[in-house]
Amino acid sequence: MPKSPSSTKKSPSPARHRLLIVDDHPVFRAGLASLIRLEEDLEVCAEAGDAAHALTLIEHHSPDLLLIDMSLPGRSGLELLKDARSLLPSLPILVISMHDETVYAERVIRAGGRGYIMKQAGPDNIIAAIRRVLSGSVFVSDAMSARILDSLSRSPSATSISSLSDREFEVFHLIGQGHDAQQIAASLHLSIKTVDTHRATIRRKLGLKSNTELIHRAIQWIGTQA
């Protein structure tokens, strides 16, 4: 018996989640976009290389998920995260970064991000993180989850570090890694004068009298995160 026309209709394709990628490395951006396009229910609606362009695209496309890197020219990934949340409070954001999760993941979650995964985690884990965040959950590694819970009982020294703004924290972290003002300026796309201003503010917030004390404190803090 011949099938009726209605019985031969294909079931509708699943609705695709629309993702916006923000990363200043075109090669990584292209690779991530290609990975996402292999998934039936995911698509890339737009790409940006910096925070300013990203905010314009967010307004235009209203994506289902924002994928951002931490290191961007101009405003950092953390600053973009906060700006994006102000623009679209319900927009879920996943950070995909080369930076160690022990340094930034907690700040990302506190700022309203829904997850943090390192680029080194590999394609399958990145897709799993994307799906976790799209489902409404938070994604961090098991080790990072334990660290975040442990942060409730951190020492007063760590609490004072948390008083630093996101940009100040980035400067502090780079100081602890042994970078000088010129290297920090190049890494964060800032002027040396701005870096010096941040260092002065960090010293004031941490009660330190000199740049030497600041360097020692930063190196000591890096050691506790290892």
Protein backbone atom coordinates (compact mmCIF):
# COMPACT_ATOMS: atom_id res chain seq x y z
CA MET A 1 0.00 0.00 0.00
CA PRO A 2 1.55 3.36 -1.03
CA LYS A 3 2.45 5.74 1.72
CA SER A 4 0.42 8.89 2.03
CA PRO A 5 2.31 12.18 1.44
CA SER A 6 2.10 12.99 5.13
CA SER A 7 3.83 9.76 6.12
CA THR A 8 6.87 10.52 3.94
CA LYS A 9 7.50 13.94 5.46
CA LYS A 10 10.85 14.31 7.19
CA SER A 11 10.79 15.20 10.85
CA PRO A 12 11.78 18.82 11.38
CA SER A 13 15.42 19.57 12.09
CA PRO A 14 16.13 20.43 15.72
CA ALA A 15 16.31 24.13 16.51
CA ARG A 16 19.90 25.30 16.48
CA HIS A 17 21.43 27.16 19.41
CA ARG A 18 23.12 30.30 18.15
CA LEU A 19 26.63 30.95 19.51
CA LEU A 20 28.76 34.08 19.30
CA ILE A 21 32.55 33.60 19.49
CA VAL A 22 34.85 36.33 20.83
CA ASP A 23 38.59 35.64 20.50
CA ASP A 24 41.39 37.79 19.12
CA HIS A 25 43.17 34.82 17.50
CA PRO A 26 41.60 34.24 14.04
CA VAL A 27 43.02 30.71 13.74
CA PHE A 28 41.51 29.55 17.05
CA ARG A 29 38.25 31.34 16.23
CA ALA A 30 38.02 29.53 12.89
CA GLY A 31 38.84 26.19 14.48
CA LEU A 32 36.22 26.61 17.20
CA ALA A 33 33.62 27.70 14.65
CA SER A 34 34.35 24.61 12.51
CA LEU A 35 34.04 22.37 15.59
CA ILE A 36 30.68 23.90 16.52
CA ARG A 37 29.31 23.56 12.98
CA LEU A 38 29.82 19.79 13.15
CA GLU A 39 27.03 19.65 15.74
CA GLU A 40 23.47 19.37 14.40
CA ASP A 41 21.94 21.60 17.02
CA LEU A 42 24.63 24.29 17.21
CA GLU A 43 25.58 27.13 14.90
CA VAL A 44 27.85 30.18 14.97
CA CYS A 45 25.81 33.32 14.41
CA ALA A 46 28.77 35.74 14.55
CA GLU A 47 32.44 36.18 15.47
CA ALA A 48 34.38 39.08 17.00
CA GLY A 49 38.02 39.80 17.76
CA ASP A 50 37.52 42.38 20.50
CA ALA A 51 35.04 43.48 23.17
CA ALA A 52 33.70 46.56 21.36
CA HIS A 53 32.77 44.58 18.25
CA ALA A 54 31.34 41.80 20.40
CA LEU A 55 28.91 44.14 22.16
CA THR A 56 27.63 45.41 18.81
CA LEU A 57 27.10 41.85 17.60
CA ILE A 58 25.36 40.83 20.83
CA GLU A 59 22.79 43.60 20.32
CA HIS A 60 22.32 42.65 16.67
CA HIS A 61 22.15 38.85 16.98
CA SER A 62 20.91 38.16 20.55
CA PRO A 63 22.82 34.85 20.71
CA ASP A 64 21.87 31.89 22.90
CA LEU A 65 25.43 31.59 24.24
CA LEU A 66 28.49 33.84 24.31
CA LEU A 67 31.93 32.20 24.12
CA ILE A 68 34.75 34.54 25.14
CA ASP A 69 38.50 34.49 25.68
CA MET A 70 40.07 36.21 28.68
CA SER A 71 42.77 38.14 26.79
CA LEU A 72 41.27 40.64 24.36
CA PRO A 73 42.59 43.92 22.99
CA GLY A 74 41.09 46.93 24.78
CA ARG A 75 38.66 45.62 27.37
CA SER A 76 39.47 42.24 28.90
CA GLY A 77 37.27 39.17 28.76
CA LEU A 78 36.13 39.78 32.34
CA GLU A 79 35.13 43.34 31.49
CA LEU A 80 33.30 42.13 28.39
CA LEU A 81 31.50 39.52 30.50
CA LYS A 82 30.17 42.23 32.82
CA ASP A 83 29.22 44.53 29.92
CA ALA A 84 27.42 41.69 28.14
CA ARG A 85 25.53 40.78 31.32
CA SER A 86 24.40 44.41 31.64
CA LEU A 87 23.23 44.37 28.03
CA LEU A 88 21.49 40.97 28.18
CA PRO A 89 21.20 39.78 31.81
CA SER A 90 19.91 36.34 30.81
CA LEU A 91 22.70 35.66 28.29
CA PRO A 92 24.77 32.63 29.39
CA ILE A 93 28.53 33.10 28.98
CA LEU A 94 31.25 30.46 28.78
CA VAL A 95 34.91 31.47 28.96
CA ILE A 96 37.29 29.41 26.81
CA SER A 97 40.81 30.52 27.65
CA MET A 98 44.46 29.50 27.61
CA HIS A 99 44.83 30.94 31.13
CA ASP A 100 44.93 28.51 34.05
CA GLU A 101 41.47 28.03 35.51
CA THR A 102 42.86 28.28 39.05
CA VAL A 103 43.63 31.95 38.37
CA TYR A 104 40.44 33.18 36.71
CA ALA A 105 37.58 30.65 36.92
CA GLU A 106 36.33 31.79 40.31
CA ARG A 107 36.26 35.44 39.23
CA VAL A 108 34.39 34.50 36.07
CA ILE A 109 31.69 32.66 38.06
CA ARG A 110 31.44 35.51 40.59
CA ALA A 111 31.02 38.00 37.72
CA GLY A 112 28.06 36.04 36.36
CA GLY A 113 29.74 33.70 33.88
CA ARG A 114 28.28 30.21 33.60
CA GLY A 115 31.48 28.33 33.00
CA TYR A 116 35.21 28.25 32.41
CA ILE A 117 37.22 25.79 30.37
CA MET A 118 40.80 25.89 29.18
CA LYS A 119 41.55 25.70 25.46
CA GLN A 120 43.87 22.78 26.18
CA ALA A 121 40.88 20.70 27.36
CA GLY A 122 40.27 19.47 23.80
CA PRO A 123 37.33 19.49 21.35
CA ASP A 124 35.10 16.91 23.07
CA ASN A 125 35.37 18.63 26.46
CA ILE A 126 34.72 22.05 24.95
CA ILE A 127 31.54 20.81 23.27
CA ALA A 128 30.50 19.15 26.54
CA ALA A 129 31.03 22.45 28.38
CA ILE A 130 28.97 24.31 25.77
CA ARG A 131 26.11 21.85 26.16
CA ARG A 132 26.29 22.00 29.96
CA VAL A 133 25.97 25.78 29.97
CA LEU A 134 23.21 25.75 27.34
CA SER A 135 21.28 23.32 29.56
CA GLY A 136 21.29 25.92 32.35
CA SER A 137 24.07 24.43 34.46
CA VAL A 138 27.48 25.79 35.45
CA PHE A 139 30.62 24.19 34.01
CA VAL A 140 33.99 24.07 35.77
CA SER A 141 36.35 21.14 36.22
CA ASP A 142 35.92 18.93 39.31
CA ALA A 143 39.19 20.28 40.71
CA MET A 144 38.06 23.88 40.21
CA SER A 145 34.70 23.17 41.79
CA ALA A 146 36.49 21.96 44.92
CA ARG A 147 38.67 25.09 44.95
CA ILE A 148 35.66 27.38 44.72
CA LEU A 149 33.99 25.63 47.65
CA ASP A 150 37.23 25.84 49.60
CA SER A 151 37.42 29.60 48.94
CA LEU A 152 34.76 30.10 51.62
CA SER A 153 37.46 29.39 54.19
CA ARG A 154 40.35 31.26 52.62
CA SER A 155 42.88 33.25 54.63
CA PRO A 156 42.63 37.02 55.20
CA SER A 157 45.51 37.44 52.73
CA ALA A 158 43.44 35.83 49.98
CA THR A 159 40.46 37.95 50.96
CA SER A 160 42.51 41.11 50.44
CA ILE A 161 43.49 39.86 46.98
CA SER A 162 39.80 39.51 46.16
CA SER A 163 39.37 43.25 46.81
CA LEU A 164 41.32 43.98 43.62
CA SER A 165 39.37 44.88 40.51
CA ASP A 166 39.56 42.45 37.61
CA ARG A 167 42.13 44.58 35.76
CA GLU A 168 44.18 45.08 38.95
CA PHE A 169 44.09 41.34 39.51
CA GLU A 170 45.39 40.73 35.98
CA VAL A 171 48.28 43.13 36.63
CA PHE A 172 48.96 41.51 40.02
CA HIS A 173 49.01 38.05 38.46
CA LEU A 174 51.47 39.10 35.75
CA ILE A 175 53.71 40.75 38.37
CA GLY A 176 53.78 37.44 40.23
CA GLN A 177 54.87 35.71 37.03
CA GLY A 178 57.88 38.02 36.83
CA HIS A 179 56.69 40.45 34.15
CA ASP A 180 57.87 44.07 34.26
CA ALA A 181 55.70 47.11 33.51
CA GLN A 182 56.53 47.11 29.80
CA GLN A 183 55.66 43.44 29.40
CA ILE A 184 52.42 43.86 31.35
CA ALA A 185 51.46 46.84 29.19
CA ALA A 186 52.02 44.82 26.03
CA SER A 187 50.16 41.77 27.35
CA LEU A 188 47.07 43.73 28.47
CA HIS A 189 47.14 46.31 25.67
CA LEU A 190 47.65 49.16 28.15
CA SER A 191 50.04 52.10 28.40
CA ILE A 192 52.96 51.85 30.85
CA LYS A 193 51.49 54.85 32.70
CA THR A 194 48.22 52.97 33.20
CA VAL A 195 50.11 49.91 34.46
CA ASP A 196 51.97 52.13 36.96
CA THR A 197 48.64 53.55 38.14
CA HIS A 198 47.27 50.04 38.66
CA ARG A 199 50.39 49.01 40.59
CA ALA A 200 50.01 52.04 42.90
CA THR A 201 46.35 51.15 43.53
CA ILE A 202 47.24 47.52 44.22
CA ARG A 203 49.90 48.57 46.73
CA ARG A 204 47.37 50.78 48.51
CA LYS A 205 44.70 48.07 48.67
CA LEU A 206 47.16 45.46 49.94
CA GLY A 207 48.88 47.81 52.39
CA LEU A 208 52.27 47.55 50.69
CA LYS A 209 54.86 50.33 50.80
CA SER A 210 56.95 49.68 47.70
CA ASN A 211 57.03 47.90 44.34
CA THR A 212 59.51 45.45 45.86
CA GLU A 213 56.96 44.44 48.51
CA LEU A 214 54.35 44.17 45.77
CA ILE A 215 56.55 41.84 43.72
CA HIS A 216 57.25 39.65 46.76
CA ARG A 217 53.54 39.45 47.64
CA ALA A 218 52.57 38.62 44.06
CA ILE A 219 55.22 35.89 43.76
CA GLN A 220 54.14 34.46 47.12
CA TRP A 221 50.49 34.41 46.00
CA ILE A 222 51.38 32.66 42.73
CA GLY A 223 53.16 30.01 44.80
CA THR A 224 50.01 29.30 46.82
CA GLN A 225 48.03 28.68 43.61
CA ALA A 226 50.40 26.02 42.29
